[in-house]
Amino acid sequence: MDDKNVVAKPQETSRQIRPLYCIAEDKGEVTIRLEMPGVRKGDLAISIENSELRVTGKRSKDAITGNYLVRERRHGDFANSFTLDDTIDQNNVEASLENGLLTIKLHLKEEVKPKRIQIKTS
């Protein structure tokens, strides 16, 4: 996807833990999905300030006892930030957490949505 067409651009962050995500645009909305295995709703915060969408939280340690042989999943604080362009209606944002997947829906402003023009006949 060409950067000039992305309405929610990721920002670089200095934190080591950054959940994987994807961004898609379809039918007047932008959807951001972030992988959040093992993260509870109460451990997440989503905010928008100065056109920056921030997702922050904490992933707890896995409840496995014993010595790890392999451990790819990190625990601790994490953050993702996305710069929103002026086509996003920052007052119309929805978020849900289901099966370890955080879905954030950003709706486009009405004035930038495609409009169908009716053709009149005489």
N, C-alpha and C. Protein backbone atom coordinates (compact mmCIF):
# COMPACT_ATOMS: atom_id res chain seq x y z
N MET A 1 0.84 -1.18 0.00
CA MET A 1 0.00 0.00 0.00
C MET A 1 0.89 1.24 0.00
N ASP A 2 0.60 2.18 -0.86
CA ASP A 2 1.35 3.41 -0.97
C ASP A 2 1.06 4.31 0.22
N ASP A 3 2.10 4.86 0.87
CA ASP A 3 1.93 5.69 2.06
C ASP A 3 0.99 6.86 1.85
N LYS A 4 0.96 7.44 0.65
CA LYS A 4 0.12 8.61 0.45
C LYS A 4 -1.37 8.27 0.51
N ASN A 5 -1.73 6.99 0.41
CA ASN A 5 -3.12 6.57 0.47
C ASN A 5 -3.52 6.04 1.84
N VAL A 6 -2.61 5.98 2.78
CA VAL A 6 -2.90 5.44 4.10
C VAL A 6 -3.41 6.57 4.99
N VAL A 7 -4.58 6.37 5.60
CA VAL A 7 -5.15 7.40 6.46
C VAL A 7 -4.80 7.21 7.92
N ALA A 8 -4.20 6.08 8.26
CA ALA A 8 -3.73 5.82 9.62
C ALA A 8 -2.33 5.24 9.51
N LYS A 9 -1.32 6.08 9.67
CA LYS A 9 0.07 5.65 9.49
C LYS A 9 0.70 5.30 10.83
N PRO A 10 1.40 4.16 10.90
CA PRO A 10 2.07 3.80 12.16
C PRO A 10 3.22 4.74 12.45
N GLN A 11 3.47 4.97 13.73
CA GLN A 11 4.62 5.76 14.16
C GLN A 11 5.65 4.83 14.76
N GLU A 12 6.91 5.20 14.60
CA GLU A 12 7.97 4.42 15.21
C GLU A 12 7.93 4.63 16.72
N THR A 13 8.23 3.59 17.44
CA THR A 13 8.23 3.67 18.90
C THR A 13 9.52 3.08 19.43
N SER A 14 9.95 3.56 20.58
CA SER A 14 11.21 3.07 21.15
C SER A 14 10.99 1.85 22.05
N ARG A 15 9.74 1.51 22.34
CA ARG A 15 9.49 0.36 23.21
C ARG A 15 9.78 -0.93 22.45
N GLN A 16 10.23 -1.94 23.15
CA GLN A 16 10.57 -3.20 22.52
C GLN A 16 9.35 -4.02 22.15
N ILE A 17 8.31 -3.99 22.96
CA ILE A 17 7.13 -4.80 22.67
C ILE A 17 6.17 -3.95 21.84
N ARG A 18 5.86 -4.44 20.66
CA ARG A 18 4.93 -3.75 19.78
C ARG A 18 4.05 -4.80 19.12
N PRO A 19 2.78 -4.87 19.49
CA PRO A 19 1.91 -5.90 18.92
C PRO A 19 1.86 -5.80 17.39
N LEU A 20 1.77 -6.95 16.74
CA LEU A 20 1.63 -6.99 15.29
C LEU A 20 0.26 -6.45 14.91
N TYR A 21 0.17 -5.82 13.75
CA TYR A 21 -1.10 -5.21 13.34
C TYR A 21 -1.23 -5.22 11.83
N CYS A 22 -2.46 -4.97 11.39
CA CYS A 22 -2.71 -4.73 9.97
C CYS A 22 -3.73 -3.61 9.88
N ILE A 23 -3.71 -2.88 8.76
CA ILE A 23 -4.61 -1.76 8.53
C ILE A 23 -5.28 -1.97 7.18
N ALA A 24 -6.61 -1.82 7.14
CA ALA A 24 -7.35 -1.96 5.89
C ALA A 24 -8.38 -0.84 5.79
N GLU A 25 -8.68 -0.44 4.57
CA GLU A 25 -9.71 0.57 4.32
C GLU A 25 -10.76 -0.02 3.41
N ASP A 26 -12.03 0.13 3.81
CA ASP A 26 -13.12 -0.41 3.01
C ASP A 26 -14.43 0.27 3.40
N LYS A 27 -15.21 0.65 2.43
CA LYS A 27 -16.58 1.15 2.63
C LYS A 27 -16.68 2.26 3.68
N GLY A 28 -15.84 3.25 3.57
CA GLY A 28 -15.96 4.41 4.44
C GLY A 28 -15.39 4.25 5.83
N GLU A 29 -14.59 3.22 6.05
CA GLU A 29 -13.95 3.07 7.36
C GLU A 29 -12.58 2.44 7.21
N VAL A 30 -11.76 2.74 8.19
CA VAL A 30 -10.42 2.15 8.28
C VAL A 30 -10.43 1.23 9.49
N THR A 31 -9.95 0.01 9.30
CA THR A 31 -9.91 -0.96 10.39
C THR A 31 -8.46 -1.27 10.72
N ILE A 32 -8.12 -1.15 11.99
CA ILE A 32 -6.79 -1.54 12.48
C ILE A 32 -7.02 -2.74 13.38
N ARG A 33 -6.30 -3.82 13.11
CA ARG A 33 -6.37 -5.02 13.95
C ARG A 33 -4.99 -5.28 14.54
N LEU A 34 -4.96 -5.43 15.86
CA LEU A 34 -3.71 -5.69 16.57
C LEU A 34 -3.81 -7.02 17.30
N GLU A 35 -2.75 -7.80 17.22
CA GLU A 35 -2.71 -9.09 17.91
C GLU A 35 -2.44 -8.85 19.40
N MET A 36 -3.33 -9.38 20.23
CA MET A 36 -3.25 -9.17 21.68
C MET A 36 -3.46 -10.48 22.44
N PRO A 37 -2.73 -11.54 22.13
CA PRO A 37 -2.96 -12.79 22.86
C PRO A 37 -2.64 -12.62 24.34
N GLY A 38 -3.57 -13.08 25.17
CA GLY A 38 -3.35 -13.05 26.61
C GLY A 38 -3.54 -11.68 27.25
N VAL A 39 -3.97 -10.67 26.50
CA VAL A 39 -4.17 -9.33 27.06
C VAL A 39 -5.65 -9.16 27.41
N ARG A 40 -5.92 -8.69 28.62
CA ARG A 40 -7.29 -8.46 29.06
C ARG A 40 -7.71 -7.02 28.75
N LYS A 41 -9.00 -6.83 28.59
CA LYS A 41 -9.56 -5.51 28.30
C LYS A 41 -9.09 -4.46 29.32
N GLY A 42 -9.05 -4.85 30.58
CA GLY A 42 -8.63 -3.93 31.63
C GLY A 42 -7.16 -3.55 31.58
N ASP A 43 -6.38 -4.27 30.79
CA ASP A 43 -4.95 -3.97 30.65
C ASP A 43 -4.65 -3.13 29.41
N LEU A 44 -5.70 -2.65 28.72
CA LEU A 44 -5.56 -1.86 27.50
C LEU A 44 -6.06 -0.44 27.69
N ALA A 45 -5.47 0.49 26.96
CA ALA A 45 -5.97 1.86 26.89
C ALA A 45 -5.83 2.34 25.45
N ILE A 46 -6.87 2.99 24.94
CA ILE A 46 -6.84 3.55 23.59
C ILE A 46 -7.20 5.01 23.71
N SER A 47 -6.41 5.88 23.08
CA SER A 47 -6.68 7.31 23.15
C SER A 47 -6.33 7.98 21.83
N ILE A 48 -6.96 9.13 21.61
CA ILE A 48 -6.63 9.96 20.46
C ILE A 48 -6.35 11.36 20.99
N GLU A 49 -5.18 11.88 20.61
CA GLU A 49 -4.81 13.24 20.99
C GLU A 49 -3.94 13.82 19.88
N ASN A 50 -4.29 15.02 19.43
CA ASN A 50 -3.54 15.69 18.36
C ASN A 50 -3.34 14.78 17.15
N SER A 51 -4.41 14.14 16.71
CA SER A 51 -4.43 13.25 15.54
C SER A 51 -3.52 12.03 15.70
N GLU A 52 -3.23 11.65 16.93
CA GLU A 52 -2.44 10.45 17.19
C GLU A 52 -3.30 9.44 17.95
N LEU A 53 -3.49 8.28 17.34
CA LEU A 53 -4.18 7.17 18.00
C LEU A 53 -3.12 6.36 18.72
N ARG A 54 -3.30 6.17 20.04
CA ARG A 54 -2.33 5.40 20.83
C ARG A 54 -3.03 4.21 21.47
N VAL A 55 -2.39 3.07 21.34
CA VAL A 55 -2.83 1.85 22.00
C VAL A 55 -1.71 1.46 22.96
N THR A 56 -2.02 1.45 24.25
CA THR A 56 -1.02 1.10 25.25
C THR A 56 -1.60 0.02 26.15
N GLY A 57 -0.71 -0.70 26.79
CA GLY A 57 -1.18 -1.74 27.70
C GLY A 57 -0.05 -2.54 28.29
N LYS A 58 -0.46 -3.65 28.88
CA LYS A 58 0.52 -4.53 29.53
C LYS A 58 0.13 -5.97 29.26
N ARG A 59 1.10 -6.75 28.85
CA ARG A 59 0.91 -8.18 28.65
C ARG A 59 1.56 -8.89 29.83
N SER A 60 0.77 -9.70 30.53
CA SER A 60 1.27 -10.42 31.70
C SER A 60 2.12 -11.61 31.28
N LYS A 61 2.93 -12.08 32.21
CA LYS A 61 3.73 -13.28 31.97
C LYS A 61 2.82 -14.47 31.75
N ASP A 62 3.25 -15.39 30.90
CA ASP A 62 2.51 -16.63 30.72
C ASP A 62 2.54 -17.42 32.02
N ALA A 63 1.49 -18.16 32.28
CA ALA A 63 1.36 -18.90 33.53
C ALA A 63 2.02 -20.28 33.45
N ILE A 64 3.02 -20.43 32.62
CA ILE A 64 3.71 -21.71 32.49
C ILE A 64 4.75 -21.82 33.62
N THR A 65 4.77 -22.97 34.27
CA THR A 65 5.77 -23.18 35.30
C THR A 65 6.93 -23.98 34.71
N GLY A 66 8.06 -23.89 35.33
CA GLY A 66 9.24 -24.61 34.86
C GLY A 66 10.15 -23.70 34.05
N ASN A 67 11.17 -24.30 33.47
CA ASN A 67 12.13 -23.55 32.66
C ASN A 67 11.68 -23.51 31.21
N TYR A 68 11.71 -22.34 30.64
CA TYR A 68 11.35 -22.19 29.23
C TYR A 68 12.41 -22.84 28.34
N LEU A 69 11.97 -23.56 27.35
CA LEU A 69 12.87 -24.07 26.31
C LEU A 69 12.88 -23.08 25.15
N VAL A 70 11.72 -22.54 24.85
CA VAL A 70 11.57 -21.49 23.84
C VAL A 70 10.51 -20.53 24.35
N ARG A 71 10.78 -19.24 24.23
CA ARG A 71 9.79 -18.24 24.62
C ARG A 71 9.86 -17.07 23.64
N GLU A 72 8.93 -17.05 22.70
CA GLU A 72 8.89 -15.98 21.70
C GLU A 72 7.98 -14.84 22.13
N ARG A 73 6.98 -15.12 22.94
CA ARG A 73 6.04 -14.09 23.36
C ARG A 73 6.64 -13.28 24.50
N ARG A 74 6.70 -11.99 24.33
CA ARG A 74 7.24 -11.11 25.36
C ARG A 74 6.13 -10.64 26.28
N HIS A 75 6.51 -10.20 27.47
CA HIS A 75 5.55 -9.67 28.42
C HIS A 75 6.04 -8.30 28.88
N GLY A 76 5.12 -7.53 29.42
CA GLY A 76 5.46 -6.19 29.89
C GLY A 76 4.62 -5.14 29.18
N ASP A 77 5.04 -3.88 29.33
CA ASP A 77 4.32 -2.76 28.73
C ASP A 77 4.54 -2.74 27.22
N PHE A 78 3.51 -2.30 26.50
CA PHE A 78 3.63 -2.16 25.05
C PHE A 78 2.89 -0.91 24.61
N ALA A 79 3.21 -0.46 23.40
CA ALA A 79 2.53 0.71 22.83
C ALA A 79 2.62 0.67 21.31
N ASN A 80 1.55 1.10 20.67
CA ASN A 80 1.53 1.34 19.23
C ASN A 80 0.89 2.71 19.03
N SER A 81 1.43 3.48 18.10
CA SER A 81 0.88 4.79 17.78
C SER A 81 0.66 4.90 16.29
N PHE A 82 -0.44 5.56 15.91
CA PHE A 82 -0.79 5.75 14.52
C PHE A 82 -1.19 7.21 14.32
N THR A 83 -0.64 7.85 13.30
CA THR A 83 -1.02 9.21 12.96
C THR A 83 -2.24 9.17 12.06
N LEU A 84 -3.29 9.87 12.46
CA LEU A 84 -4.53 9.90 11.69
C LEU A 84 -4.54 11.15 10.83
N ASP A 85 -4.93 10.99 9.57
CA ASP A 85 -5.02 12.18 8.73
C ASP A 85 -6.37 12.86 8.93
N ASP A 86 -6.59 13.97 8.26
CA ASP A 86 -7.78 14.77 8.51
C ASP A 86 -9.06 14.21 7.90
N THR A 87 -9.00 13.04 7.25
CA THR A 87 -10.21 12.42 6.71
C THR A 87 -10.92 11.54 7.75
N ILE A 88 -10.27 11.28 8.86
CA ILE A 88 -10.83 10.42 9.91
C ILE A 88 -11.71 11.24 10.86
N ASP A 89 -12.89 10.74 11.14
CA ASP A 89 -13.79 11.34 12.13
C ASP A 89 -13.34 10.86 13.50
N GLN A 90 -12.58 11.67 14.20
CA GLN A 90 -12.00 11.26 15.48
C GLN A 90 -13.04 11.11 16.59
N ASN A 91 -14.27 11.52 16.35
CA ASN A 91 -15.35 11.34 17.32
C ASN A 91 -16.18 10.11 17.03
N ASN A 92 -15.80 9.35 16.02
CA ASN A 92 -16.56 8.16 15.63
C ASN A 92 -15.60 6.97 15.51
N VAL A 93 -15.13 6.50 16.65
CA VAL A 93 -14.16 5.40 16.71
C VAL A 93 -14.74 4.30 17.58
N GLU A 94 -14.62 3.05 17.12
CA GLU A 94 -15.11 1.91 17.88
C GLU A 94 -13.95 0.94 18.10
N ALA A 95 -13.98 0.24 19.24
CA ALA A 95 -12.94 -0.74 19.53
C ALA A 95 -13.57 -1.96 20.19
N SER A 96 -13.05 -3.15 19.84
CA SER A 96 -13.51 -4.38 20.47
C SER A 96 -12.32 -5.33 20.61
N LEU A 97 -12.37 -6.16 21.64
CA LEU A 97 -11.33 -7.15 21.90
C LEU A 97 -12.00 -8.51 21.94
N GLU A 98 -11.59 -9.38 21.02
CA GLU A 98 -12.19 -10.71 20.95
C GLU A 98 -11.16 -11.72 20.47
N ASN A 99 -11.06 -12.81 21.19
CA ASN A 99 -10.15 -13.90 20.84
C ASN A 99 -8.71 -13.42 20.58
N GLY A 100 -8.24 -12.52 21.43
CA GLY A 100 -6.86 -12.06 21.33
C GLY A 100 -6.61 -11.09 20.17
N LEU A 101 -7.67 -10.52 19.61
CA LEU A 101 -7.54 -9.59 18.50
C LEU A 101 -8.27 -8.30 18.85
N LEU A 102 -7.53 -7.19 18.90
CA LEU A 102 -8.12 -5.88 19.14
C LEU A 102 -8.46 -5.27 17.78
N THR A 103 -9.72 -4.92 17.59
CA THR A 103 -10.17 -4.31 16.34
C THR A 103 -10.60 -2.89 16.62
N ILE A 104 -10.01 -1.94 15.91
CA ILE A 104 -10.35 -0.52 16.03
C ILE A 104 -10.91 -0.08 14.68
N LYS A 105 -12.13 0.45 14.70
CA LYS A 105 -12.76 0.95 13.47
C LYS A 105 -12.79 2.47 13.51
N LEU A 106 -12.17 3.06 12.50
CA LEU A 106 -12.12 4.51 12.35
C LEU A 106 -12.99 4.86 11.15
N HIS A 107 -13.98 5.70 11.36
CA HIS A 107 -14.89 6.06 10.28
C HIS A 107 -14.40 7.33 9.60
N LEU A 108 -14.58 7.37 8.28
CA LEU A 108 -14.22 8.56 7.53
C LEU A 108 -15.27 9.64 7.74
N LYS A 109 -14.84 10.89 7.63
CA LYS A 109 -15.79 12.01 7.72
C LYS A 109 -16.74 11.91 6.53
N GLU A 110 -17.98 12.32 6.76
CA GLU A 110 -19.01 12.24 5.71
C GLU A 110 -18.58 12.96 4.44
N GLU A 111 -17.93 14.11 4.59
CA GLU A 111 -17.57 14.90 3.41
C GLU A 111 -16.51 14.26 2.52
N VAL A 112 -15.80 13.25 3.02
CA VAL A 112 -14.78 12.61 2.18
C VAL A 112 -15.22 11.24 1.66
N LYS A 113 -16.39 10.78 2.11
CA LYS A 113 -16.89 9.50 1.62
C LYS A 113 -17.35 9.65 0.17
N PRO A 114 -17.17 8.61 -0.64
CA PRO A 114 -17.66 8.67 -2.02
C PRO A 114 -19.17 8.86 -2.04
N LYS A 115 -19.62 9.67 -2.98
CA LYS A 115 -21.05 9.93 -3.10
C LYS A 115 -21.53 9.53 -4.49
N ARG A 116 -22.71 9.01 -4.53
CA ARG A 116 -23.31 8.64 -5.81
C ARG A 116 -24.18 9.80 -6.28
N ILE A 117 -23.98 10.20 -7.51
CA ILE A 117 -24.72 11.30 -8.11
C ILE A 117 -25.85 10.74 -8.98
N GLN A 118 -27.05 11.19 -8.68
CA GLN A 118 -28.21 10.75 -9.47
C GLN A 118 -28.25 11.51 -10.79
N ILE A 119 -28.57 10.81 -11.84
CA ILE A 119 -28.69 11.41 -13.16
C ILE A 119 -30.17 11.65 -13.45
N LYS A 120 -30.48 12.90 -13.76
CA LYS A 120 -31.86 13.27 -14.04
C LYS A 120 -32.13 13.11 -15.55
N THR A 121 -33.34 12.81 -15.85
CA THR A 121 -33.75 12.76 -17.26
C THR A 121 -34.76 13.87 -17.50
N SER A 122 -34.82 14.32 -18.75
CA SER A 122 -35.75 15.41 -19.05
C SER A 122 -37.05 14.91 -19.61
